Amino acid sequence: MFMPDKSQDPLRQLSFDDVEPTRILFGEHNCHLQRIAKALSLDINTRGSAVHIKGDAIASALAENILKQLYGLIQDGYPLYLNDIDYAIRILSADDRVRLKDIFMDTVYITSKKRSIAPKNPAQKNYIDAMRRFDIVFGIGPAGTGKTYLAMAMAVAALANGIVSRIILTRPAVEAGETLGFLPGDLTEKVDPYLRPLYDALHDMMRFEKVSSLMQQGVIEVAPIAFMRGRTLNDAFVILDEAQNTTSEQMKMFLTRIGFNSKAVITGDITQVDLPATKTSGLIEANRILQNIEGIAFVFFSNTDVVRHRLVQDIIRAYETMGKERPE
């Protein structure tokens, strides 16, 4: 939350010429303006297409910057959503020199429902740029930062553009472990619950029938990490999700599977390791020993990069605080 300086109380005015973009910018019943006003502790009112901003000088300048940049995005055809207001406030509060167009307009993929997938903050933008430049990318940070979802979007886009010929999605089934045989059903039914988040992201981008067809053809493969052993993954976009729950041996095995014309994206949260205490997390170890290898990129996310419901940030922060206060 922006903390204004109450010692000044100037009035700032700006106006917008284009009627339809202005209507979108203001939001229904001025809901977008109200959201900015509340976040920055300002009074924002309108008269026609003119906006009057009253409050702290720094906060007022920030609000003007936000409104002008969002207006430019709308004029360029960007479909503004309510959450975009929050992202814009967060980004420009941290650095008012950032150009929102460089982030929001960097479309990665357009889904079957005609929805554009693009970064929502500088960390996501860096992540996407890293996936474009490097063959192996680690995305490390808390849940809700878009690590897996954006990697999936990049994979689907690469497949659609003919850059790779298949997508391989994998994650460890830690809870199953050695007791997999005791679960009911065949092997697919045993491991499907652990792979469900990958299916969900995939179906969000492509029609169900298309996904089913590509999976039957072997163009898209979703499997537990144990299935990667002994293989060479050529001409593929490979995503290892929940990598904090791989063992050291599994991570080494996975990274040495990468073949020619392939990309690998490894995602995980090193604060959420579910392995037994006697096991070393492959992700934590990789973060320690692979940092200086040319051609491998590490992108780190924090709770400020969460792009889920606004309460998720507060929840993550509360648990982090509890963890710091809890005695060893």
C-alpha atoms as a PDB file:
ATOM      1  CA  MET A   1       0.000   0.000   0.000  1.00  0.00           C
ATOM      2  CA  PHE A   2       1.320   3.426  -0.974  1.00  0.00           C
ATOM      3  CA  MET A   3       1.939   5.672   2.050  1.00  0.00           C
ATOM      4  CA  PRO A   4       1.309   9.310   1.099  1.00  0.00           C
ATOM      5  CA  ASP A   5       2.871  12.410   2.591  1.00  0.00           C
ATOM      6  CA  LYS A   6       0.000  14.436   4.037  1.00  0.00           C
ATOM      7  CA  SER A   7       2.037  17.645   4.158  1.00  0.00           C
ATOM      8  CA  GLN A   8       1.003  18.576   0.601  1.00  0.00           C
ATOM      9  CA  ASP A   9      -2.400  18.510  -1.015  1.00  0.00           C
ATOM     10  CA  PRO A  10      -2.164  19.777  -4.630  1.00  0.00           C
ATOM     11  CA  LEU A  11      -4.734  19.349  -7.404  1.00  0.00           C
ATOM     12  CA  ARG A  12      -3.666  17.632 -10.626  1.00  0.00           C
ATOM     13  CA  GLN A  13      -5.827  17.619 -13.753  1.00  0.00           C
ATOM     14  CA  LEU A  14      -5.648  15.673 -16.993  1.00  0.00           C
ATOM     15  CA  SER A  15      -8.045  14.946 -19.825  1.00  0.00           C
ATOM     16  CA  PHE A  16      -8.441  12.278 -22.492  1.00  0.00           C
ATOM     17  CA  ASP A  17      -9.702  12.940 -26.018  1.00  0.00           C
ATOM     18  CA  ASP A  18     -10.822   9.524 -27.259  1.00  0.00           C
ATOM     19  CA  VAL A  19     -14.267   8.683 -25.872  1.00  0.00           C
ATOM     20  CA  GLU A  20     -14.279   4.873 -26.009  1.00  0.00           C
ATOM     21  CA  PRO A  21     -10.769   4.329 -24.561  1.00  0.00           C
ATOM     22  CA  THR A  22     -11.643   6.866 -21.857  1.00  0.00           C
ATOM     23  CA  ARG A  23     -14.771   4.924 -20.942  1.00  0.00           C
ATOM     24  CA  ILE A  24     -12.737   1.708 -20.658  1.00  0.00           C
ATOM     25  CA  LEU A  25     -10.029   3.493 -18.675  1.00  0.00           C
ATOM     26  CA  PHE A  26     -12.474   4.871 -16.115  1.00  0.00           C
ATOM     27  CA  GLY A  27     -14.288   1.537 -15.788  1.00  0.00           C
ATOM     28  CA  GLU A  28     -17.942   0.893 -15.060  1.00  0.00           C
ATOM     29  CA  HIS A  29     -19.135   3.504 -12.567  1.00  0.00           C
ATOM     30  CA  ASN A  30     -15.506   4.735 -12.446  1.00  0.00           C
ATOM     31  CA  CYS A  31     -14.445   1.515 -10.705  1.00  0.00           C
ATOM     32  CA  HIS A  32     -10.909   1.661 -12.133  1.00  0.00           C
ATOM     33  CA  LEU A  33     -10.395   5.209 -10.903  1.00  0.00           C
ATOM     34  CA  GLN A  34     -11.772   4.299  -7.495  1.00  0.00           C
ATOM     35  CA  ARG A  35      -9.345   1.391  -7.275  1.00  0.00           C
ATOM     36  CA  ILE A  36      -6.397   3.684  -7.974  1.00  0.00           C
ATOM     37  CA  ALA A  37      -7.697   6.299  -5.541  1.00  0.00           C
ATOM     38  CA  LYS A  38      -8.060   3.752  -2.748  1.00  0.00           C
ATOM     39  CA  ALA A  39      -4.641   2.191  -3.325  1.00  0.00           C
ATOM     40  CA  LEU A  40      -2.852   5.548  -3.359  1.00  0.00           C
ATOM     41  CA  SER A  41      -5.013   7.339  -0.756  1.00  0.00           C
ATOM     42  CA  LEU A  42      -6.149  10.010  -3.236  1.00  0.00           C
ATOM     43  CA  ASP A  43      -9.360  11.750  -4.206  1.00  0.00           C
ATOM     44  CA  ILE A  44     -10.035  11.140  -7.906  1.00  0.00           C
ATOM     45  CA  ASN A  45     -13.095  12.688  -9.579  1.00  0.00           C
ATOM     46  CA  THR A  46     -14.202  13.136 -13.166  1.00  0.00           C
ATOM     47  CA  ARG A  47     -16.043  15.724 -15.188  1.00  0.00           C
ATOM     48  CA  GLY A  48     -16.712  14.445 -18.666  1.00  0.00           C
ATOM     49  CA  SER A  49     -13.381  13.143 -19.977  1.00  0.00           C
ATOM     50  CA  ALA A  50     -11.376  15.188 -17.456  1.00  0.00           C
ATOM     51  CA  VAL A  51      -9.840  13.679 -14.330  1.00  0.00           C
ATOM     52  CA  HIS A  52      -9.123  15.660 -11.170  1.00  0.00           C
ATOM     53  CA  ILE A  53      -6.603  14.136  -8.758  1.00  0.00           C
ATOM     54  CA  LYS A  54      -6.191  15.561  -5.277  1.00  0.00           C
ATOM     55  CA  GLY A  55      -3.751  14.419  -2.610  1.00  0.00           C
ATOM     56  CA  ASP A  56      -0.074  13.849  -1.964  1.00  0.00           C
ATOM     57  CA  ALA A  57       2.126  15.202  -4.777  1.00  0.00           C
ATOM     58  CA  ILE A  58       4.099  11.981  -5.292  1.00  0.00           C
ATOM     59  CA  ALA A  59       0.976   9.807  -5.201  1.00  0.00           C
ATOM     60  CA  SER A  60      -0.813  12.168  -7.612  1.00  0.00           C
ATOM     61  CA  ALA A  61       2.073  12.001 -10.080  1.00  0.00           C
ATOM     62  CA  LEU A  62       2.027   8.220  -9.802  1.00  0.00           C
ATOM     63  CA  ALA A  63      -1.729   8.118 -10.481  1.00  0.00           C
ATOM     64  CA  GLU A  64      -1.266  10.338 -13.550  1.00  0.00           C
ATOM     65  CA  ASN A  65       1.500   8.071 -14.829  1.00  0.00           C
ATOM     66  CA  ILE A  66      -0.713   5.005 -14.333  1.00  0.00           C
ATOM     67  CA  LEU A  67      -3.691   6.557 -16.098  1.00  0.00           C
ATOM     68  CA  LYS A  68      -1.688   7.839 -19.060  1.00  0.00           C
ATOM     69  CA  GLN A  69       0.043   4.512 -19.604  1.00  0.00           C
ATOM     70  CA  LEU A  70      -3.186   2.499 -19.284  1.00  0.00           C
ATOM     71  CA  TYR A  71      -4.893   4.889 -21.703  1.00  0.00           C
ATOM     72  CA  GLY A  72      -2.105   4.280 -24.231  1.00  0.00           C
ATOM     73  CA  LEU A  73      -2.493   0.521 -23.799  1.00  0.00           C
ATOM     74  CA  ILE A  74      -6.235   0.717 -24.454  1.00  0.00           C
ATOM     75  CA  GLN A  75      -5.674   2.829 -27.563  1.00  0.00           C
ATOM     76  CA  ASP A  76      -3.382   0.079 -28.845  1.00  0.00           C
ATOM     77  CA  GLY A  77      -6.150  -2.484 -28.396  1.00  0.00           C
ATOM     78  CA  TYR A  78      -5.224  -3.917 -25.015  1.00  0.00           C
ATOM     79  CA  PRO A  79      -8.284  -5.431 -23.239  1.00  0.00           C
ATOM     80  CA  LEU A  80      -8.058  -3.839 -19.787  1.00  0.00           C
ATOM     81  CA  TYR A  81      -9.212  -5.966 -16.838  1.00  0.00           C
ATOM     82  CA  LEU A  82      -9.708  -4.918 -13.243  1.00  0.00           C
ATOM     83  CA  ASN A  83      -6.657  -6.902 -12.102  1.00  0.00           C
ATOM     84  CA  ASP A  84      -4.534  -4.960 -14.590  1.00  0.00           C
ATOM     85  CA  ILE A  85      -5.146  -1.866 -12.466  1.00  0.00           C
ATOM     86  CA  ASP A  86      -3.574  -3.622  -9.470  1.00  0.00           C
ATOM     87  CA  TYR A  87      -0.626  -4.828 -11.569  1.00  0.00           C
ATOM     88  CA  ALA A  88      -0.043  -1.330 -12.956  1.00  0.00           C
ATOM     89  CA  ILE A  89      -0.122   0.230  -9.480  1.00  0.00           C
ATOM     90  CA  ARG A  90       2.313  -2.369  -8.154  1.00  0.00           C
ATOM     91  CA  ILE A  91       4.726  -2.066 -11.081  1.00  0.00           C
ATOM     92  CA  LEU A  92       4.846   1.728 -11.296  1.00  0.00           C
ATOM     93  CA  SER A  93       4.950   2.153  -7.518  1.00  0.00           C
ATOM     94  CA  ALA A  94       8.163   0.138  -7.552  1.00  0.00           C
ATOM     95  CA  ASP A  95       9.627   1.897 -10.609  1.00  0.00           C
ATOM     96  CA  ASP A  96       7.827   4.773 -12.327  1.00  0.00           C
ATOM     97  CA  ARG A  97      10.165   4.534 -15.336  1.00  0.00           C
ATOM     98  CA  VAL A  98       8.769   1.178 -16.456  1.00  0.00           C
ATOM     99  CA  ARG A  99       6.795   1.199 -19.719  1.00  0.00           C
ATOM    100  CA  LEU A 100       3.690  -0.923 -19.214  1.00  0.00           C
ATOM    101  CA  LYS A 101       3.466  -1.524 -22.979  1.00  0.00           C
ATOM    102  CA  ASP A 102       6.766  -3.410 -22.873  1.00  0.00           C
ATOM    103  CA  ILE A 103       5.203  -5.821 -20.386  1.00  0.00           C
ATOM    104  CA  PHE A 104       1.466  -6.034 -21.041  1.00  0.00           C
ATOM    105  CA  MET A 105       1.726  -6.006 -24.856  1.00  0.00           C
ATOM    106  CA  ASP A 106       4.313  -8.804 -25.075  1.00  0.00           C
ATOM    107  CA  THR A 107       1.807 -11.475 -26.114  1.00  0.00           C
ATOM    108  CA  VAL A 108       3.113 -15.001 -25.641  1.00  0.00           C
ATOM    109  CA  TYR A 109       0.097 -16.917 -26.935  1.00  0.00           C
ATOM    110  CA  ILE A 110      -3.560 -16.389 -27.804  1.00  0.00           C
ATOM    111  CA  THR A 111      -5.755 -19.150 -26.374  1.00  0.00           C
ATOM    112  CA  SER A 112      -8.568 -20.992 -28.128  1.00  0.00           C
ATOM    113  CA  LYS A 113     -10.926 -18.578 -26.344  1.00  0.00           C
ATOM    114  CA  LYS A 114      -9.099 -15.638 -28.009  1.00  0.00           C
ATOM    115  CA  ARG A 115      -7.566 -14.502 -24.722  1.00  0.00           C
ATOM    116  CA  SER A 116      -4.046 -13.118 -24.876  1.00  0.00           C
ATOM    117  CA  ILE A 117      -1.461 -14.495 -22.472  1.00  0.00           C
ATOM    118  CA  ALA A 118       1.143 -11.860 -21.624  1.00  0.00           C
ATOM    119  CA  PRO A 119       3.344 -10.978 -18.641  1.00  0.00           C
ATOM    120  CA  LYS A 120       1.807  -8.971 -15.793  1.00  0.00           C
ATOM    121  CA  ASN A 121       4.942  -7.720 -14.065  1.00  0.00           C
ATOM    122  CA  PRO A 122       8.678  -7.229 -14.717  1.00  0.00           C
ATOM    123  CA  ALA A 123       9.596 -10.614 -13.212  1.00  0.00           C
ATOM    124  CA  GLN A 124       7.262 -12.407 -15.628  1.00  0.00           C
ATOM    125  CA  LYS A 125       8.665 -10.358 -18.506  1.00  0.00           C
ATOM    126  CA  ASN A 126      12.225 -11.371 -17.517  1.00  0.00           C
ATOM    127  CA  TYR A 127      11.061 -14.991 -17.286  1.00  0.00           C
ATOM    128  CA  ILE A 128       9.581 -14.941 -20.794  1.00  0.00           C
ATOM    129  CA  ASP A 129      12.666 -13.255 -22.232  1.00  0.00           C
ATOM    130  CA  ALA A 130      14.852 -15.882 -20.539  1.00  0.00           C
ATOM    131  CA  MET A 131      12.804 -18.705 -22.076  1.00  0.00           C
ATOM    132  CA  ARG A 132      13.285 -17.103 -25.496  1.00  0.00           C
ATOM    133  CA  ARG A 133      17.054 -16.753 -25.076  1.00  0.00           C
ATOM    134  CA  PHE A 134      18.170 -19.800 -23.096  1.00  0.00           C
ATOM    135  CA  ASP A 135      17.741 -23.553 -23.547  1.00  0.00           C
ATOM    136  CA  ILE A 136      17.448 -24.270 -19.806  1.00  0.00           C
ATOM    137  CA  VAL A 137      15.555 -21.886 -17.531  1.00  0.00           C
ATOM    138  CA  PHE A 138      14.790 -22.211 -13.830  1.00  0.00           C
ATOM    139  CA  GLY A 139      11.760 -20.295 -12.515  1.00  0.00           C
ATOM    140  CA  ILE A 140      11.903 -20.203  -8.718  1.00  0.00           C
ATOM    141  CA  GLY A 141       9.340 -18.565  -6.440  1.00  0.00           C
ATOM    142  CA  PRO A 142       6.021 -18.881  -4.599  1.00  0.00           C
ATOM    143  CA  ALA A 143       2.755 -20.224  -5.956  1.00  0.00           C
ATOM    144  CA  GLY A 144       0.656 -17.865  -8.028  1.00  0.00           C
ATOM    145  CA  THR A 145       3.519 -16.120  -9.818  1.00  0.00           C
ATOM    146  CA  GLY A 146       2.736 -17.711 -13.188  1.00  0.00           C
ATOM    147  CA  LYS A 147       5.847 -19.887 -13.442  1.00  0.00           C
ATOM    148  CA  THR A 148       4.174 -23.010 -14.809  1.00  0.00           C
ATOM    149  CA  TYR A 149       1.393 -21.230 -16.689  1.00  0.00           C
ATOM    150  CA  LEU A 150       3.743 -18.983 -18.680  1.00  0.00           C
ATOM    151  CA  ALA A 151       6.087 -21.900 -19.390  1.00  0.00           C
ATOM    152  CA  MET A 152       3.076 -23.817 -20.709  1.00  0.00           C
ATOM    153  CA  ALA A 153       2.088 -20.864 -22.899  1.00  0.00           C
ATOM    154  CA  MET A 154       5.609 -20.666 -24.306  1.00  0.00           C
ATOM    155  CA  ALA A 155       5.560 -24.414 -24.992  1.00  0.00           C
ATOM    156  CA  VAL A 156       2.207 -24.303 -26.792  1.00  0.00           C
ATOM    157  CA  ALA A 157       3.354 -21.286 -28.828  1.00  0.00           C
ATOM    158  CA  ALA A 158       6.586 -23.077 -29.769  1.00  0.00           C
ATOM    159  CA  LEU A 159       4.597 -26.121 -30.903  1.00  0.00           C
ATOM    160  CA  ALA A 160       2.114 -24.009 -32.871  1.00  0.00           C
ATOM    161  CA  ASN A 161       4.941 -22.138 -34.622  1.00  0.00           C
ATOM    162  CA  GLY A 162       6.814 -25.303 -35.520  1.00  0.00           C
ATOM    163  CA  ILE A 163       9.809 -24.491 -33.304  1.00  0.00           C
ATOM    164  CA  VAL A 164       9.473 -27.860 -31.532  1.00  0.00           C
ATOM    165  CA  SER A 165       7.633 -31.005 -32.540  1.00  0.00           C
ATOM    166  CA  ARG A 166       6.376 -32.059 -29.114  1.00  0.00           C
ATOM    167  CA  ILE A 167       5.696 -30.923 -25.559  1.00  0.00           C
ATOM    168  CA  ILE A 168       6.666 -32.998 -22.552  1.00  0.00           C
ATOM    169  CA  LEU A 169       5.229 -32.062 -19.158  1.00  0.00           C
ATOM    170  CA  THR A 170       6.437 -33.759 -16.019  1.00  0.00           C
ATOM    171  CA  ARG A 171       6.439 -33.421 -12.260  1.00  0.00           C
ATOM    172  CA  PRO A 172       7.341 -35.626  -9.306  1.00  0.00           C
ATOM    173  CA  ALA A 173       4.626 -37.622  -7.549  1.00  0.00           C
ATOM    174  CA  VAL A 174       6.186 -37.242  -4.137  1.00  0.00           C
ATOM    175  CA  GLU A 175       3.231 -38.307  -2.032  1.00  0.00           C
ATOM    176  CA  ALA A 176       2.956 -41.544  -4.004  1.00  0.00           C
ATOM    177  CA  GLY A 177       6.642 -42.473  -3.646  1.00  0.00           C
ATOM    178  CA  GLU A 178       7.255 -46.146  -3.119  1.00  0.00           C
ATOM    179  CA  THR A 179       3.591 -46.748  -2.213  1.00  0.00           C
ATOM    180  CA  LEU A 180       2.320 -46.154  -5.758  1.00  0.00           C
ATOM    181  CA  GLY A 181       1.419 -49.798  -6.114  1.00  0.00           C
ATOM    182  CA  PHE A 182      -0.998 -49.629  -3.199  1.00  0.00           C
ATOM    183  CA  LEU A 183      -3.203 -47.033  -4.917  1.00  0.00           C
ATOM    184  CA  PRO A 184      -6.266 -48.306  -6.820  1.00  0.00           C
ATOM    185  CA  GLY A 185      -6.431 -48.335 -10.626  1.00  0.00           C
ATOM    186  CA  ASP A 186      -3.882 -48.669 -13.433  1.00  0.00           C
ATOM    187  CA  LEU A 187      -0.691 -46.601 -13.641  1.00  0.00           C
ATOM    188  CA  THR A 188      -2.397 -43.688 -15.409  1.00  0.00           C
ATOM    189  CA  GLU A 189      -5.091 -43.491 -12.740  1.00  0.00           C
ATOM    190  CA  LYS A 190      -2.460 -43.669  -9.996  1.00  0.00           C
ATOM    191  CA  VAL A 191      -0.381 -40.706 -11.226  1.00  0.00           C
ATOM    192  CA  ASP A 192      -3.081 -38.503 -12.816  1.00  0.00           C
ATOM    193  CA  PRO A 193      -3.930 -36.649  -9.567  1.00  0.00           C
ATOM    194  CA  TYR A 194      -0.324 -35.442  -9.327  1.00  0.00           C
ATOM    195  CA  LEU A 195      -0.322 -34.242 -12.940  1.00  0.00           C
ATOM    196  CA  ARG A 196      -3.725 -32.549 -12.817  1.00  0.00           C
ATOM    197  CA  PRO A 197      -2.351 -28.960 -12.532  1.00  0.00           C
ATOM    198  CA  LEU A 198      -0.505 -29.487 -15.826  1.00  0.00           C
ATOM    199  CA  TYR A 199      -3.658 -30.720 -17.527  1.00  0.00           C
ATOM    200  CA  ASP A 200      -5.575 -27.720 -16.183  1.00  0.00           C
ATOM    201  CA  ALA A 201      -3.098 -25.235 -17.623  1.00  0.00           C
ATOM    202  CA  LEU A 202      -3.063 -27.062 -20.937  1.00  0.00           C
ATOM    203  CA  HIS A 203      -6.856 -27.114 -21.250  1.00  0.00           C
ATOM    204  CA  ASP A 204      -6.968 -23.419 -20.432  1.00  0.00           C
ATOM    205  CA  MET A 205      -5.008 -22.708 -23.618  1.00  0.00           C
ATOM    206  CA  MET A 206      -6.276 -25.290 -26.080  1.00  0.00           C
ATOM    207  CA  ARG A 207      -9.624 -26.917 -26.801  1.00  0.00           C
ATOM    208  CA  PHE A 208     -10.159 -30.176 -24.943  1.00  0.00           C
ATOM    209  CA  GLU A 209     -10.543 -32.105 -28.215  1.00  0.00           C
ATOM    210  CA  LYS A 210      -7.287 -30.674 -29.555  1.00  0.00           C
ATOM    211  CA  VAL A 211      -5.387 -31.595 -26.395  1.00  0.00           C
ATOM    212  CA  SER A 212      -6.811 -35.137 -26.440  1.00  0.00           C
ATOM    213  CA  SER A 213      -5.870 -35.580 -30.091  1.00  0.00           C
ATOM    214  CA  LEU A 214      -2.299 -34.340 -29.597  1.00  0.00           C
ATOM    215  CA  MET A 215      -1.867 -36.562 -26.550  1.00  0.00           C
ATOM    216  CA  GLN A 216      -3.082 -39.611 -28.489  1.00  0.00           C
ATOM    217  CA  GLN A 217      -0.552 -38.785 -31.210  1.00  0.00           C
ATOM    218  CA  GLY A 218       2.226 -38.438 -28.641  1.00  0.00           C
ATOM    219  CA  VAL A 219       2.776 -34.783 -29.563  1.00  0.00           C
ATOM    220  CA  ILE A 220       1.918 -33.804 -25.990  1.00  0.00           C
ATOM    221  CA  GLU A 221       3.046 -36.082 -23.198  1.00  0.00           C
ATOM    222  CA  VAL A 222       2.227 -35.675 -19.512  1.00  0.00           C
ATOM    223  CA  ALA A 223       4.092 -38.069 -17.244  1.00  0.00           C
ATOM    224  CA  PRO A 224       5.740 -38.419 -13.829  1.00  0.00           C
ATOM    225  CA  ILE A 225       9.458 -37.694 -13.777  1.00  0.00           C
ATOM    226  CA  ALA A 226      10.320 -41.373 -13.308  1.00  0.00           C
ATOM    227  CA  PHE A 227       9.255 -41.889 -16.942  1.00  0.00           C
ATOM    228  CA  MET A 228      12.095 -39.631 -18.148  1.00  0.00           C
ATOM    229  CA  ARG A 229      14.843 -42.067 -17.167  1.00  0.00           C
ATOM    230  CA  GLY A 230      16.834 -43.514 -20.071  1.00  0.00           C
ATOM    231  CA  ARG A 231      15.367 -41.150 -22.674  1.00  0.00           C
ATOM    232  CA  THR A 232      16.880 -38.440 -24.877  1.00  0.00           C
ATOM    233  CA  LEU A 233      14.440 -35.605 -25.417  1.00  0.00           C
ATOM    234  CA  ASN A 234      15.128 -34.074 -28.845  1.00  0.00           C
ATOM    235  CA  ASP A 235      13.106 -31.362 -30.589  1.00  0.00           C
ATOM    236  CA  ALA A 236      10.931 -30.859 -27.516  1.00  0.00           C
ATOM    237  CA  PHE A 237       9.788 -28.216 -25.065  1.00  0.00           C
ATOM    238  CA  VAL A 238      10.075 -29.896 -21.675  1.00  0.00           C
ATOM    239  CA  ILE A 239       8.589 -28.518 -18.450  1.00  0.00           C
ATOM    240  CA  LEU A 240       9.456 -29.916 -15.031  1.00  0.00           C
ATOM    241  CA  ASP A 241       6.937 -28.591 -12.513  1.00  0.00           C
ATOM    242  CA  GLU A 242       7.141 -28.724  -8.692  1.00  0.00           C
ATOM    243  CA  ALA A 243      10.862 -29.318  -9.066  1.00  0.00           C
ATOM    244  CA  GLN A 244      11.525 -28.639  -5.375  1.00  0.00           C
ATOM    245  CA  ASN A 245      10.204 -32.161  -4.795  1.00  0.00           C
ATOM    246  CA  THR A 246      12.730 -33.845  -7.066  1.00  0.00           C
ATOM    247  CA  THR A 247      15.670 -35.534  -5.407  1.00  0.00           C
ATOM    248  CA  SER A 248      19.223 -34.616  -6.342  1.00  0.00           C
ATOM    249  CA  GLU A 249      19.426 -37.777  -8.446  1.00  0.00           C
ATOM    250  CA  GLN A 250      16.144 -37.052 -10.251  1.00  0.00           C
ATOM    251  CA  MET A 251      17.192 -33.497 -11.114  1.00  0.00           C
ATOM    252  CA  LYS A 252      20.524 -34.659 -12.526  1.00  0.00           C
ATOM    253  CA  MET A 253      18.730 -37.379 -14.496  1.00  0.00           C
ATOM    254  CA  PHE A 254      16.216 -34.889 -15.896  1.00  0.00           C
ATOM    255  CA  LEU A 255      18.753 -32.240 -16.914  1.00  0.00           C
ATOM    256  CA  THR A 256      20.885 -34.805 -18.726  1.00  0.00           C
ATOM    257  CA  ARG A 257      17.888 -35.944 -20.820  1.00  0.00           C
ATOM    258  CA  ILE A 258      17.835 -32.688 -22.823  1.00  0.00           C
ATOM    259  CA  GLY A 259      18.654 -33.302 -26.477  1.00  0.00           C
ATOM    260  CA  PHE A 260      19.115 -31.260 -29.651  1.00  0.00           C
ATOM    261  CA  ASN A 261      16.724 -28.384 -30.452  1.00  0.00           C
ATOM    262  CA  SER A 262      15.070 -28.708 -27.065  1.00  0.00           C
ATOM    263  CA  LYS A 263      14.210 -26.305 -24.287  1.00  0.00           C
ATOM    264  CA  ALA A 264      13.706 -27.187 -20.639  1.00  0.00           C
ATOM    265  CA  VAL A 265      11.935 -25.051 -18.065  1.00  0.00           C
ATOM    266  CA  ILE A 266      12.163 -26.085 -14.432  1.00  0.00           C
ATOM    267  CA  THR A 267       9.751 -24.488 -11.971  1.00  0.00           C
ATOM    268  CA  GLY A 268       9.356 -24.749  -8.229  1.00  0.00           C
ATOM    269  CA  ASP A 269       9.192 -23.120  -4.815  1.00  0.00           C
ATOM    270  CA  ILE A 270      12.188 -23.890  -2.621  1.00  0.00           C
ATOM    271  CA  THR A 271      10.189 -22.965   0.495  1.00  0.00           C
ATOM    272  CA  GLN A 272       7.673 -25.780  -0.121  1.00  0.00           C
ATOM    273  CA  VAL A 273       9.776 -28.948  -0.177  1.00  0.00           C
ATOM    274  CA  ASP A 274       7.780 -32.104   0.648  1.00  0.00           C
ATOM    275  CA  LEU A 275      10.685 -34.529   0.533  1.00  0.00           C
ATOM    276  CA  PRO A 276      11.766 -36.501   3.614  1.00  0.00           C
ATOM    277  CA  ALA A 277      14.341 -34.666   5.723  1.00  0.00           C
ATOM    278  CA  THR A 278      17.006 -37.157   4.646  1.00  0.00           C
ATOM    279  CA  LYS A 279      16.610 -36.235   0.961  1.00  0.00           C
ATOM    280  CA  THR A 280      18.207 -33.235  -0.753  1.00  0.00           C
ATOM    281  CA  SER A 281      15.941 -31.156  -2.994  1.00  0.00           C
ATOM    282  CA  GLY A 282      17.207 -31.283  -6.555  1.00  0.00           C
ATOM    283  CA  LEU A 283      15.994 -27.731  -7.149  1.00  0.00           C
ATOM    284  CA  ILE A 284      17.843 -26.298  -4.149  1.00  0.00           C
ATOM    285  CA  GLU A 285      21.003 -28.132  -5.158  1.00  0.00           C
ATOM    286  CA  ALA A 286      20.716 -26.995  -8.807  1.00  0.00           C
ATOM    287  CA  ASN A 287      20.260 -23.410  -7.644  1.00  0.00           C
ATOM    288  CA  ARG A 288      23.514 -23.740  -5.724  1.00  0.00           C
ATOM    289  CA  ILE A 289      25.731 -25.458  -8.283  1.00  0.00           C
ATOM    290  CA  LEU A 290      24.467 -24.393 -11.747  1.00  0.00           C
ATOM    291  CA  GLN A 291      24.338 -20.606 -11.358  1.00  0.00           C
ATOM    292  CA  ASN A 292      27.546 -19.959 -13.290  1.00  0.00           C
ATOM    293  CA  ILE A 293      26.958 -22.256 -16.261  1.00  0.00           C
ATOM    294  CA  GLU A 294      26.603 -20.299 -19.493  1.00  0.00           C
ATOM    295  CA  GLY A 295      23.318 -21.047 -21.271  1.00  0.00           C
ATOM    296  CA  ILE A 296      21.337 -21.676 -18.083  1.00  0.00           C
ATOM    297  CA  ALA A 297      19.153 -18.881 -16.687  1.00  0.00           C
ATOM    298  CA  PHE A 298      17.654 -18.504 -13.223  1.00  0.00           C
ATOM    299  CA  VAL A 299      14.644 -16.209 -12.733  1.00  0.00           C
ATOM    300  CA  PHE A 300      13.444 -15.554  -9.212  1.00  0.00           C
ATOM    301  CA  PHE A 301       9.946 -14.475  -8.163  1.00  0.00           C
ATOM    302  CA  SER A 302       8.788 -13.046  -4.837  1.00  0.00           C
ATOM    303  CA  ASN A 303       5.390 -12.688  -3.171  1.00  0.00           C
ATOM    304  CA  THR A 304       5.078  -9.236  -4.797  1.00  0.00           C
ATOM    305  CA  ASP A 305       4.913 -11.035  -8.164  1.00  0.00           C
ATOM    306  CA  VAL A 306       1.813 -13.081  -7.294  1.00  0.00           C
ATOM    307  CA  VAL A 307      -0.844 -12.635  -9.986  1.00  0.00           C
ATOM    308  CA  ARG A 308      -3.676 -14.576  -8.414  1.00  0.00           C
ATOM    309  CA  HIS A 309      -6.387 -13.069  -6.236  1.00  0.00           C
ATOM    310  CA  ARG A 310      -5.006 -10.070  -4.322  1.00  0.00           C
ATOM    311  CA  LEU A 311      -5.503 -11.945  -1.017  1.00  0.00           C
ATOM    312  CA  VAL A 312      -2.954 -14.582  -2.064  1.00  0.00           C
ATOM    313  CA  GLN A 313      -0.128 -12.077  -1.535  1.00  0.00           C
ATOM    314  CA  ASP A 314      -1.370 -11.317   1.961  1.00  0.00           C
ATOM    315  CA  ILE A 315      -1.677 -15.024   2.761  1.00  0.00           C
ATOM    316  CA  ILE A 316       1.879 -15.754   1.578  1.00  0.00           C
ATOM    317  CA  ARG A 317       3.197 -12.796   3.570  1.00  0.00           C
ATOM    318  CA  ALA A 318       1.358 -13.929   6.712  1.00  0.00           C
ATOM    319  CA  TYR A 319       2.846 -17.425   6.507  1.00  0.00           C
ATOM    320  CA  GLU A 320       6.316 -16.018   5.893  1.00  0.00           C
ATOM    321  CA  THR A 321       5.944 -13.827   8.985  1.00  0.00           C
ATOM    322  CA  MET A 322       4.800 -16.808  11.042  1.00  0.00           C
ATOM    323  CA  GLY A 323       7.785 -18.798   9.815  1.00  0.00           C
ATOM    324  CA  LYS A 324      10.196 -16.077  10.927  1.00  0.00           C
ATOM    325  CA  GLU A 325       8.555 -15.776  14.346  1.00  0.00           C
ATOM    326  CA  ARG A 326       8.320 -19.521  14.996  1.00  0.00           C
ATOM    327  CA  PRO A 327      11.109 -20.780  17.303  1.00  0.00           C
ATOM    328  CA  GLU A 328      13.584 -23.252  15.840  1.00  0.00           C
END
